[in-house]
Amino acid sequence: MTTQDIFNAVVAFDEAAVKEKTKAELDAGTDVQSILNDGLISAMDDVGEKFSAGELFVPEMLMAAQAMKAGLEILQPLLASGQSSSKGTVVIGTVKGDLHDIGKNLVAMMMEGAGFEVVDLGVDVESEAFVKTAAEKGANVIALSALLTTTMPAMETTVKAVKEAGMTVKTIIGGAPVTQAFADQIGADGYSADAPGAVKLVKALVA
């Protein structure tokens, strides 16, 4: 048995198998980092590539992310105890006035799967909350989501608040009505159209 079994279980959206194989690998003494990177993270990379190629769709990505999270939950205590190094901290949330969270949740799960520490503030989040939490957590990136055109100005308010606070944290935005042009206009550090793209973007920004 190898981490390939965990990889296969994630790609097959099989939560129960992911849990079982992850526990078995730990019992066998496999390195936590290897289980995380070769089993869980590489599976989500694979799913992300298939999504980008149009072979998988959002429901399948959510199922894969749920399966990956099942394995991650088993590893979490070991990761928290310092047997693993986080790639960085991402504060994520849906902006003020917007209650949509499917896209945000998917990005958060994939960020976790990619080895980032994720602080999810939920929906309808004030710009002050993003700034305060990012400062407290020493975050590398603030990820803002919006699904309504009417809440897009809240993204601009938050990006402005981050700059006014003199923080070095990067800001990225995403959501159905959002574009790269809008990101440029409000001075955000990046934009992604989907969850795999968001993970690639954050990896590039914190590199």
N, C-alpha and C. Protein backbone atom coordinates (compact mmCIF):
# COMPACT_ATOMS: atom_id res chain seq x y z
N MET A 1 0.83 -1.21 0.00
CA MET A 1 0.00 0.00 0.00
C MET A 1 0.86 1.26 0.00
N THR A 2 0.44 2.25 -0.78
CA THR A 2 1.24 3.48 -0.87
C THR A 2 0.33 4.70 -0.85
N THR A 3 0.97 5.86 -0.89
CA THR A 3 0.19 7.11 -0.93
C THR A 3 -0.62 7.17 -2.23
N GLN A 4 -0.25 6.36 -3.22
CA GLN A 4 -1.00 6.31 -4.48
C GLN A 4 -2.45 5.90 -4.21
N ASP A 5 -2.65 5.04 -3.21
CA ASP A 5 -4.02 4.62 -2.85
C ASP A 5 -4.85 5.80 -2.35
N ILE A 6 -4.20 6.70 -1.60
CA ILE A 6 -4.88 7.90 -1.10
C ILE A 6 -5.21 8.80 -2.29
N PHE A 7 -4.23 8.97 -3.16
CA PHE A 7 -4.41 9.77 -4.38
C PHE A 7 -5.62 9.24 -5.16
N ASN A 8 -5.65 7.93 -5.39
CA ASN A 8 -6.74 7.32 -6.16
C ASN A 8 -8.10 7.52 -5.49
N ALA A 9 -8.12 7.44 -4.15
CA ALA A 9 -9.38 7.59 -3.41
C ALA A 9 -9.91 9.02 -3.52
N VAL A 10 -9.01 10.01 -3.50
CA VAL A 10 -9.43 11.41 -3.65
C VAL A 10 -10.01 11.62 -5.05
N VAL A 11 -9.28 11.13 -6.05
CA VAL A 11 -9.70 11.30 -7.44
C VAL A 11 -11.03 10.56 -7.71
N ALA A 12 -11.30 9.54 -6.90
CA ALA A 12 -12.56 8.78 -7.04
C ALA A 12 -13.67 9.36 -6.15
N PHE A 13 -13.38 10.49 -5.49
CA PHE A 13 -14.33 11.18 -4.58
C PHE A 13 -14.80 10.26 -3.43
N ASP A 14 -13.93 9.35 -2.98
CA ASP A 14 -14.32 8.35 -1.97
C ASP A 14 -13.81 8.76 -0.59
N GLU A 15 -14.66 9.50 0.15
CA GLU A 15 -14.26 10.01 1.47
C GLU A 15 -13.86 8.90 2.43
N ALA A 16 -14.68 7.84 2.49
CA ALA A 16 -14.42 6.74 3.43
C ALA A 16 -13.07 6.09 3.13
N ALA A 17 -12.79 5.89 1.84
CA ALA A 17 -11.51 5.27 1.46
C ALA A 17 -10.34 6.18 1.79
N VAL A 18 -10.53 7.49 1.59
CA VAL A 18 -9.46 8.44 1.90
C VAL A 18 -9.10 8.35 3.39
N LYS A 19 -10.13 8.33 4.24
CA LYS A 19 -9.91 8.22 5.69
C LYS A 19 -9.17 6.93 6.02
N GLU A 20 -9.69 5.84 5.49
CA GLU A 20 -9.13 4.51 5.76
C GLU A 20 -7.67 4.41 5.31
N LYS A 21 -7.40 4.88 4.08
CA LYS A 21 -6.03 4.78 3.53
C LYS A 21 -5.07 5.72 4.27
N THR A 22 -5.58 6.90 4.64
CA THR A 22 -4.73 7.86 5.36
C THR A 22 -4.33 7.29 6.72
N LYS A 23 -5.30 6.72 7.43
CA LYS A 23 -5.01 6.11 8.74
C LYS A 23 -4.02 4.96 8.57
N ALA A 24 -4.24 4.14 7.54
CA ALA A 24 -3.36 2.99 7.30
C ALA A 24 -1.93 3.43 7.03
N GLU A 25 -1.78 4.51 6.26
CA GLU A 25 -0.44 5.02 5.95
C GLU A 25 0.26 5.54 7.21
N LEU A 26 -0.51 6.23 8.06
CA LEU A 26 0.06 6.72 9.31
C LEU A 26 0.49 5.56 10.19
N ASP A 27 -0.36 4.55 10.28
CA ASP A 27 -0.04 3.35 11.09
C ASP A 27 1.21 2.65 10.56
N ALA A 28 1.39 2.72 9.25
CA ALA A 28 2.55 2.06 8.63
C ALA A 28 3.82 2.90 8.78
N GLY A 29 3.67 4.08 9.38
CA GLY A 29 4.83 4.93 9.63
C GLY A 29 5.24 5.82 8.48
N THR A 30 4.35 5.96 7.49
CA THR A 30 4.66 6.84 6.36
C THR A 30 4.74 8.29 6.84
N ASP A 31 5.69 9.02 6.31
CA ASP A 31 5.90 10.42 6.68
C ASP A 31 4.64 11.26 6.40
N VAL A 32 4.27 12.08 7.37
CA VAL A 32 3.06 12.92 7.27
C VAL A 32 3.13 13.81 6.02
N GLN A 33 4.31 14.39 5.80
CA GLN A 33 4.50 15.29 4.67
C GLN A 33 4.29 14.55 3.34
N SER A 34 4.71 13.30 3.31
CA SER A 34 4.56 12.49 2.10
C SER A 34 3.09 12.18 1.84
N ILE A 35 2.36 11.86 2.92
CA ILE A 35 0.91 11.60 2.78
C ILE A 35 0.22 12.86 2.26
N LEU A 36 0.60 14.00 2.84
CA LEU A 36 -0.01 15.28 2.46
C LEU A 36 0.32 15.63 1.01
N ASN A 37 1.61 15.60 0.68
CA ASN A 37 2.04 16.04 -0.66
C ASN A 37 1.71 15.04 -1.77
N ASP A 38 2.10 13.77 -1.56
CA ASP A 38 1.95 12.76 -2.62
C ASP A 38 0.53 12.20 -2.71
N GLY A 39 -0.14 12.13 -1.55
CA GLY A 39 -1.48 11.58 -1.54
C GLY A 39 -2.56 12.61 -1.79
N LEU A 40 -2.63 13.62 -0.92
CA LEU A 40 -3.75 14.57 -0.96
C LEU A 40 -3.52 15.74 -1.92
N ILE A 41 -2.38 16.42 -1.77
CA ILE A 41 -2.15 17.62 -2.58
C ILE A 41 -2.02 17.29 -4.07
N SER A 42 -1.25 16.24 -4.39
CA SER A 42 -1.07 15.91 -5.81
C SER A 42 -2.39 15.46 -6.44
N ALA A 43 -3.27 14.85 -5.64
CA ALA A 43 -4.59 14.46 -6.16
C ALA A 43 -5.42 15.69 -6.51
N MET A 44 -5.37 16.71 -5.64
CA MET A 44 -6.13 17.93 -5.92
C MET A 44 -5.53 18.70 -7.08
N ASP A 45 -4.20 18.61 -7.25
CA ASP A 45 -3.56 19.22 -8.43
C ASP A 45 -4.09 18.57 -9.70
N ASP A 46 -4.20 17.24 -9.64
CA ASP A 46 -4.70 16.46 -10.77
C ASP A 46 -6.15 16.83 -11.10
N VAL A 47 -6.95 16.94 -10.04
CA VAL A 47 -8.36 17.33 -10.21
C VAL A 47 -8.45 18.74 -10.79
N GLY A 48 -7.59 19.63 -10.30
CA GLY A 48 -7.57 21.01 -10.79
C GLY A 48 -7.23 21.08 -12.28
N GLU A 49 -6.26 20.26 -12.69
CA GLU A 49 -5.87 20.22 -14.11
C GLU A 49 -7.01 19.69 -14.98
N LYS A 50 -7.69 18.66 -14.46
CA LYS A 50 -8.82 18.08 -15.22
C LYS A 50 -9.97 19.09 -15.33
N PHE A 51 -10.15 19.86 -14.26
CA PHE A 51 -11.19 20.89 -14.28
C PHE A 51 -10.85 21.95 -15.33
N SER A 52 -9.59 22.39 -15.31
CA SER A 52 -9.14 23.42 -16.27
C SER A 52 -9.26 22.92 -17.71
N ALA A 53 -9.09 21.60 -17.89
CA ALA A 53 -9.18 21.01 -19.23
C ALA A 53 -10.63 20.71 -19.64
N GLY A 54 -11.57 20.99 -18.73
CA GLY A 54 -12.98 20.77 -19.04
C GLY A 54 -13.43 19.32 -18.88
N GLU A 55 -12.58 18.50 -18.21
CA GLU A 55 -12.94 17.09 -18.01
C GLU A 55 -13.78 16.89 -16.74
N LEU A 56 -13.64 17.83 -15.80
CA LEU A 56 -14.43 17.76 -14.56
C LEU A 56 -15.13 19.10 -14.38
N PHE A 57 -16.21 19.08 -13.57
CA PHE A 57 -16.97 20.31 -13.33
C PHE A 57 -17.04 20.61 -11.84
N VAL A 58 -17.64 21.74 -11.48
CA VAL A 58 -17.65 22.18 -10.08
C VAL A 58 -18.17 21.12 -9.10
N PRO A 59 -19.28 20.40 -9.41
CA PRO A 59 -19.74 19.39 -8.44
C PRO A 59 -18.68 18.32 -8.15
N GLU A 60 -17.97 17.88 -9.20
CA GLU A 60 -16.92 16.87 -8.99
C GLU A 60 -15.75 17.45 -8.20
N MET A 61 -15.43 18.72 -8.48
CA MET A 61 -14.35 19.35 -7.72
C MET A 61 -14.69 19.45 -6.24
N LEU A 62 -15.95 19.78 -5.97
CA LEU A 62 -16.39 19.86 -4.57
C LEU A 62 -16.31 18.50 -3.89
N MET A 63 -16.69 17.44 -4.63
CA MET A 63 -16.63 16.09 -4.05
C MET A 63 -15.19 15.67 -3.78
N ALA A 64 -14.30 15.99 -4.72
CA ALA A 64 -12.88 15.67 -4.54
C ALA A 64 -12.31 16.45 -3.35
N ALA A 65 -12.69 17.72 -3.26
CA ALA A 65 -12.20 18.57 -2.16
C ALA A 65 -12.70 18.06 -0.82
N GLN A 66 -13.96 17.59 -0.79
CA GLN A 66 -14.52 17.02 0.45
C GLN A 66 -13.73 15.78 0.85
N ALA A 67 -13.43 14.93 -0.14
CA ALA A 67 -12.68 13.70 0.11
C ALA A 67 -11.28 14.03 0.63
N MET A 68 -10.66 15.01 -0.02
CA MET A 68 -9.33 15.44 0.40
C MET A 68 -9.36 15.96 1.84
N LYS A 69 -10.42 16.72 2.15
CA LYS A 69 -10.55 17.30 3.48
C LYS A 69 -10.67 16.22 4.56
N ALA A 70 -11.31 15.10 4.20
CA ALA A 70 -11.47 14.00 5.15
C ALA A 70 -10.09 13.47 5.57
N GLY A 71 -9.17 13.41 4.59
CA GLY A 71 -7.81 12.97 4.90
C GLY A 71 -7.06 14.03 5.67
N LEU A 72 -7.28 15.27 5.29
CA LEU A 72 -6.62 16.40 5.93
C LEU A 72 -6.96 16.49 7.41
N GLU A 73 -8.23 16.19 7.73
CA GLU A 73 -8.67 16.26 9.13
C GLU A 73 -7.92 15.25 10.00
N ILE A 74 -7.58 14.12 9.41
CA ILE A 74 -6.83 13.10 10.17
C ILE A 74 -5.39 13.59 10.39
N LEU A 75 -4.85 14.26 9.38
CA LEU A 75 -3.46 14.74 9.47
C LEU A 75 -3.33 16.02 10.30
N GLN A 76 -4.42 16.77 10.41
CA GLN A 76 -4.38 18.10 11.05
C GLN A 76 -3.66 18.14 12.40
N PRO A 77 -3.98 17.22 13.34
CA PRO A 77 -3.30 17.29 14.65
C PRO A 77 -1.78 17.14 14.51
N LEU A 78 -1.35 16.29 13.58
CA LEU A 78 0.08 16.07 13.37
C LEU A 78 0.71 17.28 12.67
N LEU A 79 -0.06 17.87 11.76
CA LEU A 79 0.44 19.06 11.05
C LEU A 79 0.56 20.21 12.04
N ALA A 80 -0.43 20.32 12.93
CA ALA A 80 -0.44 21.41 13.91
C ALA A 80 0.68 21.25 14.92
N SER A 81 1.09 20.02 15.16
CA SER A 81 2.14 19.79 16.17
C SER A 81 3.54 20.02 15.61
N GLY A 82 3.57 20.55 14.39
CA GLY A 82 4.87 20.95 13.84
C GLY A 82 5.57 19.90 13.01
N GLN A 83 4.88 18.80 12.68
CA GLN A 83 5.52 17.80 11.83
C GLN A 83 5.48 18.22 10.36
N SER A 84 4.90 19.37 10.12
CA SER A 84 4.81 19.84 8.74
C SER A 84 4.95 21.36 8.73
N SER A 85 5.41 21.89 7.61
CA SER A 85 5.52 23.34 7.54
C SER A 85 4.46 23.89 6.59
N SER A 86 3.73 24.90 7.07
CA SER A 86 2.70 25.53 6.23
C SER A 86 3.38 26.37 5.15
N LYS A 87 2.75 26.42 3.98
CA LYS A 87 3.33 27.19 2.88
C LYS A 87 3.00 28.68 3.01
N GLY A 88 2.11 29.00 3.95
CA GLY A 88 1.70 30.39 4.13
C GLY A 88 0.28 30.43 4.67
N THR A 89 -0.19 31.63 4.99
CA THR A 89 -1.53 31.78 5.56
C THR A 89 -2.40 32.63 4.64
N VAL A 90 -3.61 32.12 4.39
CA VAL A 90 -4.57 32.81 3.53
C VAL A 90 -5.82 33.13 4.34
N VAL A 91 -6.21 34.39 4.37
CA VAL A 91 -7.48 34.79 4.98
C VAL A 91 -8.49 34.93 3.85
N ILE A 92 -9.60 34.20 3.93
CA ILE A 92 -10.57 34.19 2.83
C ILE A 92 -11.97 34.50 3.34
N GLY A 93 -12.77 35.12 2.50
CA GLY A 93 -14.16 35.39 2.88
C GLY A 93 -14.93 36.00 1.72
N THR A 94 -16.26 35.95 1.85
CA THR A 94 -17.14 36.61 0.88
C THR A 94 -17.40 38.02 1.42
N VAL A 95 -17.29 39.01 0.55
CA VAL A 95 -17.34 40.41 1.00
C VAL A 95 -18.70 40.85 1.53
N LYS A 96 -18.68 41.98 2.21
CA LYS A 96 -19.86 42.60 2.82
C LYS A 96 -21.05 42.66 1.84
N GLY A 97 -22.21 42.21 2.32
CA GLY A 97 -23.43 42.29 1.51
C GLY A 97 -23.70 41.06 0.65
N ASP A 98 -22.72 40.14 0.61
CA ASP A 98 -22.85 38.95 -0.25
C ASP A 98 -22.86 37.69 0.61
N LEU A 99 -23.83 36.80 0.35
CA LEU A 99 -23.97 35.60 1.18
C LEU A 99 -23.63 34.31 0.44
N HIS A 100 -23.04 34.44 -0.74
CA HIS A 100 -22.70 33.24 -1.52
C HIS A 100 -21.39 32.63 -1.02
N ASP A 101 -21.36 31.30 -0.90
CA ASP A 101 -20.11 30.73 -0.38
C ASP A 101 -19.61 29.45 -1.04
N ILE A 102 -20.31 28.94 -2.06
CA ILE A 102 -19.85 27.68 -2.66
C ILE A 102 -18.46 27.84 -3.27
N GLY A 103 -18.29 28.87 -4.09
CA GLY A 103 -16.99 29.12 -4.71
C GLY A 103 -15.91 29.35 -3.68
N LYS A 104 -16.23 30.18 -2.69
CA LYS A 104 -15.27 30.48 -1.61
C LYS A 104 -14.87 29.21 -0.88
N ASN A 105 -15.85 28.38 -0.55
CA ASN A 105 -15.57 27.15 0.19
C ASN A 105 -14.65 26.22 -0.61
N LEU A 106 -14.89 26.17 -1.90
CA LEU A 106 -14.08 25.33 -2.77
C LEU A 106 -12.63 25.83 -2.81
N VAL A 107 -12.48 27.14 -2.96
CA VAL A 107 -11.13 27.74 -2.97
C VAL A 107 -10.45 27.46 -1.62
N ALA A 108 -11.18 27.64 -0.52
CA ALA A 108 -10.60 27.42 0.82
C ALA A 108 -10.13 25.97 0.97
N MET A 109 -10.96 25.02 0.52
CA MET A 109 -10.59 23.61 0.65
C MET A 109 -9.37 23.28 -0.21
N MET A 110 -9.33 23.86 -1.41
CA MET A 110 -8.19 23.58 -2.28
C MET A 110 -6.90 24.24 -1.78
N MET A 111 -7.05 25.40 -1.15
CA MET A 111 -5.88 26.07 -0.55
C MET A 111 -5.33 25.19 0.59
N GLU A 112 -6.24 24.68 1.41
CA GLU A 112 -5.82 23.79 2.50
C GLU A 112 -5.14 22.56 1.92
N GLY A 113 -5.74 22.04 0.86
CA GLY A 113 -5.18 20.86 0.22
C GLY A 113 -3.81 21.12 -0.37
N ALA A 114 -3.53 22.38 -0.71
CA ALA A 114 -2.23 22.74 -1.29
C ALA A 114 -1.19 23.05 -0.21
N GLY A 115 -1.60 22.92 1.06
CA GLY A 115 -0.64 23.10 2.16
C GLY A 115 -0.64 24.46 2.81
N PHE A 116 -1.63 25.29 2.49
CA PHE A 116 -1.72 26.61 3.14
C PHE A 116 -2.59 26.53 4.38
N GLU A 117 -2.29 27.39 5.35
CA GLU A 117 -3.17 27.53 6.51
C GLU A 117 -4.26 28.49 6.07
N VAL A 118 -5.53 28.10 6.22
CA VAL A 118 -6.63 28.93 5.74
C VAL A 118 -7.49 29.40 6.90
N VAL A 119 -7.73 30.71 6.94
CA VAL A 119 -8.64 31.29 7.94
C VAL A 119 -9.88 31.76 7.17
N ASP A 120 -10.98 31.04 7.32
CA ASP A 120 -12.20 31.34 6.57
C ASP A 120 -13.14 32.20 7.42
N LEU A 121 -13.34 33.44 6.99
CA LEU A 121 -14.18 34.37 7.77
C LEU A 121 -15.67 34.26 7.42
N GLY A 122 -16.00 33.38 6.45
CA GLY A 122 -17.41 33.18 6.11
C GLY A 122 -17.92 34.19 5.09
N VAL A 123 -19.18 34.58 5.24
CA VAL A 123 -19.81 35.48 4.27
C VAL A 123 -20.14 36.83 4.91
N ASP A 124 -20.47 37.83 4.06
CA ASP A 124 -20.88 39.14 4.54
C ASP A 124 -19.82 39.76 5.45
N VAL A 125 -18.56 39.69 5.01
CA VAL A 125 -17.43 40.11 5.86
C VAL A 125 -17.05 41.57 5.61
N GLU A 126 -16.98 42.34 6.69
CA GLU A 126 -16.57 43.75 6.63
C GLU A 126 -15.08 43.85 6.28
N SER A 127 -14.71 44.93 5.61
CA SER A 127 -13.30 45.11 5.23
C SER A 127 -12.39 45.15 6.47
N GLU A 128 -12.89 45.74 7.56
CA GLU A 128 -12.09 45.83 8.79
C GLU A 128 -11.74 44.43 9.32
N ALA A 129 -12.68 43.50 9.16
CA ALA A 129 -12.45 42.13 9.66
C ALA A 129 -11.33 41.44 8.88
N PHE A 130 -11.30 41.68 7.56
CA PHE A 130 -10.22 41.11 6.74
C PHE A 130 -8.86 41.66 7.20
N VAL A 131 -8.81 42.99 7.38
CA VAL A 131 -7.56 43.64 7.76
C VAL A 131 -7.10 43.18 9.14
N LYS A 132 -8.02 43.19 10.10
CA LYS A 132 -7.70 42.82 11.48
C LYS A 132 -7.20 41.37 11.56
N THR A 133 -7.93 40.46 10.90
CA THR A 133 -7.56 39.04 10.96
C THR A 133 -6.22 38.79 10.27
N ALA A 134 -6.01 39.44 9.13
CA ALA A 134 -4.75 39.27 8.41
C ALA A 134 -3.57 39.73 9.26
N ALA A 135 -3.78 40.84 9.99
CA ALA A 135 -2.72 41.37 10.86
C ALA A 135 -2.45 40.41 12.01
N GLU A 136 -3.53 39.90 12.63
CA GLU A 136 -3.39 38.98 13.76
C GLU A 136 -2.70 37.67 13.35
N LYS A 137 -3.04 37.18 12.19
CA LYS A 137 -2.53 35.87 11.75
C LYS A 137 -1.23 35.96 10.96
N GLY A 138 -0.79 37.19 10.69
CA GLY A 138 0.40 37.36 9.87
C GLY A 138 0.19 36.76 8.48
N ALA A 139 -0.99 37.00 7.92
CA ALA A 139 -1.36 36.37 6.65
C ALA A 139 -0.51 36.86 5.48
N ASN A 140 -0.32 35.97 4.51
CA ASN A 140 0.41 36.31 3.28
C ASN A 140 -0.55 36.85 2.22
N VAL A 141 -1.78 36.31 2.24
CA VAL A 141 -2.75 36.65 1.20
C VAL A 141 -4.15 36.81 1.80
N ILE A 142 -4.89 37.81 1.29
CA ILE A 142 -6.31 37.95 1.60
C ILE A 142 -7.06 37.64 0.30
N ALA A 143 -7.97 36.67 0.36
CA ALA A 143 -8.74 36.26 -0.82
C ALA A 143 -10.19 36.70 -0.66
N LEU A 144 -10.66 37.53 -1.60
CA LEU A 144 -12.00 38.10 -1.52
C LEU A 144 -12.91 37.50 -2.59
N SER A 145 -14.10 37.09 -2.18
CA SER A 145 -15.05 36.50 -3.12
C SER A 145 -16.32 37.35 -3.20
N ALA A 146 -16.90 37.45 -4.39
CA ALA A 146 -18.20 38.12 -4.57
C ALA A 146 -18.92 37.46 -5.73
N LEU A 147 -20.24 37.28 -5.57
CA LEU A 147 -21.01 36.70 -6.67
C LEU A 147 -22.02 37.70 -7.24
N LEU A 148 -22.15 38.84 -6.56
CA LEU A 148 -23.11 39.85 -7.01
C LEU A 148 -22.35 41.09 -7.49
N THR A 149 -22.78 41.65 -8.60
CA THR A 149 -22.13 42.88 -9.09
C THR A 149 -22.28 44.00 -8.06
N THR A 150 -23.39 43.96 -7.31
CA THR A 150 -23.66 45.03 -6.32
C THR A 150 -22.69 44.98 -5.14
N THR A 151 -22.03 43.83 -4.93
CA THR A 151 -21.10 43.75 -3.79
C THR A 151 -19.64 43.90 -4.22
N MET A 152 -19.41 44.05 -5.53
CA MET A 152 -18.03 44.22 -6.00
C MET A 152 -17.33 45.47 -5.42
N PRO A 153 -18.07 46.58 -5.22
CA PRO A 153 -17.40 47.74 -4.60
C PRO A 153 -16.82 47.42 -3.22
N ALA A 154 -17.39 46.45 -2.52
CA ALA A 154 -16.86 46.07 -1.20
C ALA A 154 -15.46 45.49 -1.33
N MET A 155 -15.17 44.90 -2.50
CA MET A 155 -13.81 44.40 -2.76
C MET A 155 -12.84 45.57 -2.81
N GLU A 156 -13.27 46.61 -3.53
CA GLU A 156 -12.42 47.80 -3.66
C GLU A 156 -12.16 48.43 -2.30
N THR A 157 -13.20 48.51 -1.49
CA THR A 157 -13.08 49.07 -0.14
C THR A 157 -12.06 48.29 0.68
N THR A 158 -12.11 46.95 0.57
CA THR A 158 -11.20 46.10 1.35
C THR A 158 -9.76 46.25 0.87
N VAL A 159 -9.56 46.23 -0.45
CA VAL A 159 -8.20 46.39 -1.00
C VAL A 159 -7.61 47.72 -0.54
N LYS A 160 -8.46 48.76 -0.57
CA LYS A 160 -8.03 50.10 -0.15
C LYS A 160 -7.66 50.11 1.34
N ALA A 161 -8.48 49.42 2.14
CA ALA A 161 -8.24 49.36 3.59
C ALA A 161 -6.91 48.67 3.90
N VAL A 162 -6.60 47.63 3.13
CA VAL A 162 -5.34 46.90 3.31
C VAL A 162 -4.16 47.83 3.01
N LYS A 163 -4.28 48.58 1.90
CA LYS A 163 -3.20 49.49 1.51
C LYS A 163 -3.05 50.61 2.54
N GLU A 164 -4.19 51.13 3.03
CA GLU A 164 -4.14 52.23 4.01
C GLU A 164 -3.53 51.76 5.33
N ALA A 165 -3.69 50.47 5.63
CA ALA A 165 -3.12 49.92 6.87
C ALA A 165 -1.62 49.69 6.73
N GLY A 166 -1.11 49.91 5.50
CA GLY A 166 0.33 49.76 5.26
C GLY A 166 0.81 48.32 5.34
N MET A 167 -0.09 47.37 5.03
CA MET A 167 0.26 45.96 5.13
C MET A 167 0.92 45.44 3.85
N THR A 168 1.78 44.43 4.03
CA THR A 168 2.45 43.84 2.86
C THR A 168 1.64 42.66 2.30
N VAL A 169 0.54 42.31 2.98
CA VAL A 169 -0.28 41.18 2.54
C VAL A 169 -0.83 41.42 1.12
N LYS A 170 -0.84 40.36 0.32
CA LYS A 170 -1.34 40.43 -1.05
C LYS A 170 -2.86 40.24 -1.06
N THR A 171 -3.55 40.88 -1.99
CA THR A 171 -5.01 40.71 -2.10
C THR A 171 -5.34 40.08 -3.45
N ILE A 172 -6.21 39.05 -3.41
CA ILE A 172 -6.68 38.45 -4.66
C ILE A 172 -8.21 38.43 -4.63
N ILE A 173 -8.81 38.47 -5.82
CA ILE A 173 -10.27 38.49 -5.89
C ILE A 173 -10.78 37.44 -6.88
N GLY A 174 -12.04 37.05 -6.69
CA GLY A 174 -12.65 36.08 -7.59
C GLY A 174 -14.15 36.04 -7.41
N GLY A 175 -14.84 35.37 -8.34
CA GLY A 175 -16.29 35.30 -8.32
C GLY A 175 -16.83 35.54 -9.71
N ALA A 176 -18.04 35.08 -9.96
CA ALA A 176 -18.60 35.12 -11.31
C ALA A 176 -18.53 36.47 -12.02
N PRO A 177 -18.89 37.59 -11.37
CA PRO A 177 -18.90 38.86 -12.13
C PRO A 177 -17.53 39.54 -12.19
N VAL A 178 -16.55 38.97 -11.49
CA VAL A 178 -15.25 39.62 -11.34
C VAL A 178 -14.33 39.31 -12.53
N THR A 179 -13.51 40.28 -12.91
CA THR A 179 -12.59 40.11 -14.05
C THR A 179 -11.19 40.59 -13.68
N GLN A 180 -10.23 40.25 -14.53
CA GLN A 180 -8.86 40.74 -14.34
C GLN A 180 -8.84 42.27 -14.45
N ALA A 181 -9.65 42.79 -15.36
CA ALA A 181 -9.70 44.25 -15.54
C ALA A 181 -10.16 44.94 -14.26
N PHE A 182 -11.14 44.32 -13.58
CA PHE A 182 -11.63 44.90 -12.32
C PHE A 182 -10.54 44.81 -11.24
N ALA A 183 -9.82 43.69 -11.23
CA ALA A 183 -8.72 43.53 -10.26
C ALA A 183 -7.67 44.63 -10.46
N ASP A 184 -7.34 44.88 -11.73
CA ASP A 184 -6.36 45.93 -12.05
C ASP A 184 -6.88 47.30 -11.62
N GLN A 185 -8.16 47.51 -11.88
CA GLN A 185 -8.81 48.80 -11.58
C GLN A 185 -8.77 49.12 -10.09
N ILE A 186 -9.00 48.10 -9.25
CA ILE A 186 -9.07 48.36 -7.80
C ILE A 186 -7.71 48.16 -7.10
N GLY A 187 -6.72 47.74 -7.89
CA GLY A 187 -5.38 47.58 -7.31
C GLY A 187 -5.15 46.29 -6.56
N ALA A 188 -5.96 45.26 -6.86
CA ALA A 188 -5.73 43.95 -6.24
C ALA A 188 -4.49 43.31 -6.86
N ASP A 189 -3.85 42.40 -6.14
CA ASP A 189 -2.62 41.78 -6.63
C ASP A 189 -2.88 40.63 -7.60
N GLY A 190 -4.13 40.19 -7.67
CA GLY A 190 -4.41 39.09 -8.59
C GLY A 190 -5.87 38.75 -8.68
N TYR A 191 -6.20 37.98 -9.73
CA TYR A 191 -7.58 37.53 -9.97
C TYR A 191 -7.51 36.12 -10.52
N SER A 192 -8.48 35.30 -10.14
CA SER A 192 -8.58 33.98 -10.76
C SER A 192 -10.04 33.67 -11.06
N ALA A 193 -10.24 32.98 -12.19
CA ALA A 193 -11.59 32.62 -12.61
C ALA A 193 -12.08 31.35 -11.93
N ASP A 194 -11.16 30.55 -11.37
CA ASP A 194 -11.59 29.30 -10.74
C ASP A 194 -10.66 28.91 -9.58
N ALA A 195 -11.04 27.86 -8.86
CA ALA A 195 -10.29 27.46 -7.67
C ALA A 195 -8.86 26.98 -7.97
N PRO A 196 -8.65 26.12 -8.97
CA PRO A 196 -7.27 25.71 -9.27
C PRO A 196 -6.39 26.90 -9.62
N GLY A 197 -6.97 27.85 -10.36
CA GLY A 197 -6.22 29.05 -10.73
C GLY A 197 -5.86 29.87 -9.50
N ALA A 198 -6.78 29.92 -8.53
CA ALA A 198 -6.54 30.68 -7.30
C ALA A 198 -5.37 30.08 -6.52
N VAL A 199 -5.31 28.75 -6.49
CA VAL A 199 -4.21 28.08 -5.79
C VAL A 199 -2.87 28.40 -6.47
N LYS A 200 -2.86 28.32 -7.80
CA LYS A 200 -1.63 28.63 -8.56
C LYS A 200 -1.20 30.07 -8.31
N LEU A 201 -2.19 30.97 -8.29
CA LEU A 201 -1.93 32.39 -8.08
C LEU A 201 -1.30 32.64 -6.72
N VAL A 202 -1.88 32.03 -5.68
CA VAL A 202 -1.36 32.22 -4.32
C VAL A 202 0.05 31.64 -4.20
N LYS A 203 0.25 30.48 -4.81
CA LYS A 203 1.61 29.88 -4.78
C LYS A 203 2.62 30.85 -5.40
N ALA A 204 2.23 31.48 -6.51
CA ALA A 204 3.13 32.43 -7.18
C ALA A 204 3.37 33.67 -6.33
N LEU A 205 2.31 34.15 -5.66
CA LEU A 205 2.42 35.37 -4.87
C LEU A 205 3.28 35.20 -3.61
N VAL A 206 3.26 33.99 -3.03
CA VAL A 206 4.02 33.79 -1.79
C VAL A 206 5.40 33.18 -2.05
N ALA A 207 5.66 32.83 -3.31
CA ALA A 207 6.96 32.20 -3.63
C ALA A 207 8.12 33.13 -3.33
